[in-house]
Amino acid sequence: MVRSVIGVIVGAVAWMVVFLCVAFSVAEFWPDYAVHGRVWFQQHVYEFTTGMSVVNASFWVLAEIIAGRLAVLIAARRQAGWVLAAVIGLYLAYQHLYVEWSNLPWWYNLAVAIPAVPATLLGARFASRFGRGPQPA
């Protein structure tokens, strides 16, 4: 049980860290992206172009896949992936479908919130399939 809780917590932390690391890495090579990112963090004004927004949404999906895989590998239980998917899904649904809905483009909110649960579960499945995590029944 403790291992499962640790897996979910590490997965949740990794989810945010992976997104931020990838976004900051891209900002090093894409100056316009860095400018818009700074505006968002400092003034909470969303000025990303459509292309940048698509890149951001794909970063979230990548982070969710990695987080789901990591949670299941650490917990050695598939249920950790389901718990993490629920936590991330509920958090992003609240943030993007309620809190940030008026601040961000509608399609971006949907592009971040809707794939959250499936992407996390995909990562959990990868742990079962390609890692040393639990095998599917």
Protein backbone atom coordinates (compact mmCIF):
# COMPACT_ATOMS: atom_id res chain seq x y z
CA MET A 1 0.00 0.00 0.00
CA VAL A 2 2.78 2.44 0.91
CA ARG A 3 4.52 1.66 -2.36
CA SER A 4 1.32 2.46 -4.25
CA VAL A 5 0.95 5.83 -2.52
CA ILE A 6 4.58 6.65 -3.23
CA GLY A 7 4.08 5.66 -6.88
CA VAL A 8 1.11 7.98 -7.26
CA ILE A 9 2.88 10.87 -5.52
CA VAL A 10 6.05 10.45 -7.58
CA GLY A 11 3.96 10.18 -10.74
CA ALA A 12 2.11 13.39 -9.92
CA VAL A 13 5.31 15.28 -9.19
CA ALA A 14 6.98 13.86 -12.30
CA TRP A 15 3.98 14.95 -14.39
CA MET A 16 4.56 18.61 -13.55
CA VAL A 17 8.36 18.40 -13.61
CA VAL A 18 8.42 16.72 -17.03
CA PHE A 19 6.12 19.35 -18.51
CA LEU A 20 8.17 22.22 -17.09
CA CYS A 21 11.52 20.69 -18.11
CA VAL A 22 10.36 20.09 -21.67
CA ALA A 23 8.79 23.55 -21.93
CA PHE A 24 11.89 25.28 -20.54
CA SER A 25 14.11 23.23 -22.87
CA VAL A 26 12.08 24.28 -25.89
CA ALA A 27 12.18 27.88 -24.69
CA GLU A 28 15.98 27.74 -24.88
CA PHE A 29 15.80 27.08 -28.63
CA TRP A 30 12.61 28.97 -29.53
CA PRO A 31 12.94 32.60 -28.38
CA ASP A 32 9.33 33.58 -29.21
CA TYR A 33 8.07 30.67 -27.14
CA ALA A 34 10.22 31.87 -24.23
CA VAL A 35 8.81 35.40 -24.50
CA HIS A 36 5.20 34.18 -24.47
CA GLY A 37 5.97 31.78 -21.62
CA ARG A 38 7.38 34.59 -19.50
CA VAL A 39 4.28 36.71 -20.19
CA TRP A 40 2.06 33.82 -19.07
CA PHE A 41 4.01 33.17 -15.86
CA GLN A 42 4.44 36.83 -14.92
CA GLN A 43 1.18 38.43 -16.05
CA HIS A 44 -1.12 35.45 -16.56
CA VAL A 45 -1.88 36.66 -20.09
CA TYR A 46 -2.06 33.93 -22.74
CA GLU A 47 -0.39 35.17 -25.91
CA PHE A 48 0.89 31.86 -27.32
CA THR A 49 0.32 31.37 -31.04
CA THR A 50 -1.73 28.41 -32.26
CA GLY A 51 1.43 26.47 -33.04
CA MET A 52 2.86 27.13 -29.61
CA SER A 53 -0.40 26.07 -28.01
CA VAL A 54 -0.37 22.78 -29.92
CA VAL A 55 3.20 22.21 -28.74
CA ASN A 56 2.12 22.94 -25.15
CA ALA A 57 -0.79 20.51 -25.37
CA SER A 58 1.53 17.81 -26.71
CA PHE A 59 3.92 18.44 -23.81
CA TRP A 60 1.07 17.79 -21.37
CA VAL A 61 0.28 14.49 -23.10
CA LEU A 62 3.94 13.46 -23.02
CA ALA A 63 4.16 14.33 -19.31
CA GLU A 64 1.00 12.31 -18.58
CA ILE A 65 2.34 9.23 -20.38
CA ILE A 66 5.63 9.39 -18.48
CA ALA A 67 3.86 10.00 -15.15
CA GLY A 68 1.50 7.05 -15.64
CA ARG A 69 4.36 4.72 -16.52
CA LEU A 70 6.46 5.88 -13.59
CA ALA A 71 3.60 5.51 -11.10
CA VAL A 72 2.92 1.91 -12.11
CA LEU A 73 6.60 0.97 -12.21
CA ILE A 74 7.14 2.29 -8.68
CA ALA A 75 3.89 0.93 -7.24
CA ALA A 76 4.11 -2.39 -9.11
CA ARG A 77 0.30 -2.20 -9.33
CA ARG A 78 -1.83 -1.11 -12.27
CA GLN A 79 -4.27 0.53 -9.89
CA ALA A 80 -1.71 3.28 -9.24
CA GLY A 81 -2.11 4.33 -12.87
CA TRP A 82 -5.88 4.57 -12.45
CA VAL A 83 -5.55 6.64 -9.29
CA LEU A 84 -3.03 8.96 -10.89
CA ALA A 85 -5.21 9.29 -14.01
CA ALA A 86 -8.16 10.26 -11.81
CA VAL A 87 -6.11 12.84 -9.90
CA ILE A 88 -4.63 14.41 -13.03
CA GLY A 89 -7.93 14.24 -14.91
CA LEU A 90 -9.89 15.89 -12.13
CA TYR A 91 -7.25 18.56 -11.60
CA LEU A 92 -7.04 19.45 -15.30
CA ALA A 93 -10.81 19.33 -15.73
CA TYR A 94 -11.20 21.79 -12.86
CA GLN A 95 -8.38 24.04 -14.08
CA HIS A 96 -9.17 24.06 -17.80
CA LEU A 97 -12.92 23.65 -17.88
CA TYR A 98 -13.68 26.02 -15.01
CA VAL A 99 -10.84 28.18 -13.65
CA GLU A 100 -8.94 29.00 -16.87
CA TRP A 101 -11.79 28.62 -19.37
CA SER A 102 -12.10 32.37 -19.99
CA ASN A 103 -8.33 32.97 -19.99
CA LEU A 104 -7.32 30.39 -22.61
CA PRO A 105 -8.64 29.43 -26.04
CA TRP A 106 -11.55 26.97 -25.73
CA TRP A 107 -9.87 24.42 -27.97
CA TYR A 108 -6.66 24.54 -25.93
CA ASN A 109 -8.58 23.92 -22.71
CA LEU A 110 -10.20 20.87 -24.30
CA ALA A 111 -6.90 19.71 -25.82
CA VAL A 112 -5.30 19.68 -22.38
CA ALA A 113 -8.20 18.32 -20.31
CA ILE A 114 -9.68 15.59 -22.52
CA PRO A 115 -6.56 13.49 -23.24
CA ALA A 116 -5.29 13.63 -19.64
CA VAL A 117 -6.88 10.41 -18.40
CA PRO A 118 -6.29 8.33 -21.55
CA ALA A 119 -2.66 9.50 -21.81
CA THR A 120 -1.95 8.66 -18.16
CA LEU A 121 -3.53 5.23 -18.60
CA LEU A 122 -1.50 4.70 -21.77
CA GLY A 123 1.66 5.34 -19.78
CA ALA A 124 0.46 2.90 -17.14
CA ARG A 125 -0.13 0.33 -19.87
CA PHE A 126 3.38 0.91 -21.19
CA ALA A 127 4.72 0.08 -17.73
CA SER A 128 2.88 -3.22 -17.80
CA ARG A 129 3.93 -4.03 -21.33
CA PHE A 130 7.46 -2.75 -21.67
CA GLY A 131 8.66 -2.38 -18.12
CA ARG A 132 8.95 -4.64 -15.18
CA GLY A 133 5.53 -3.53 -13.91
CA PRO A 134 2.57 -5.83 -13.37
CA GLN A 135 1.39 -7.84 -16.36
CA PRO A 136 -2.19 -7.43 -17.61
CA ALA A 137 -4.61 -10.06 -16.43
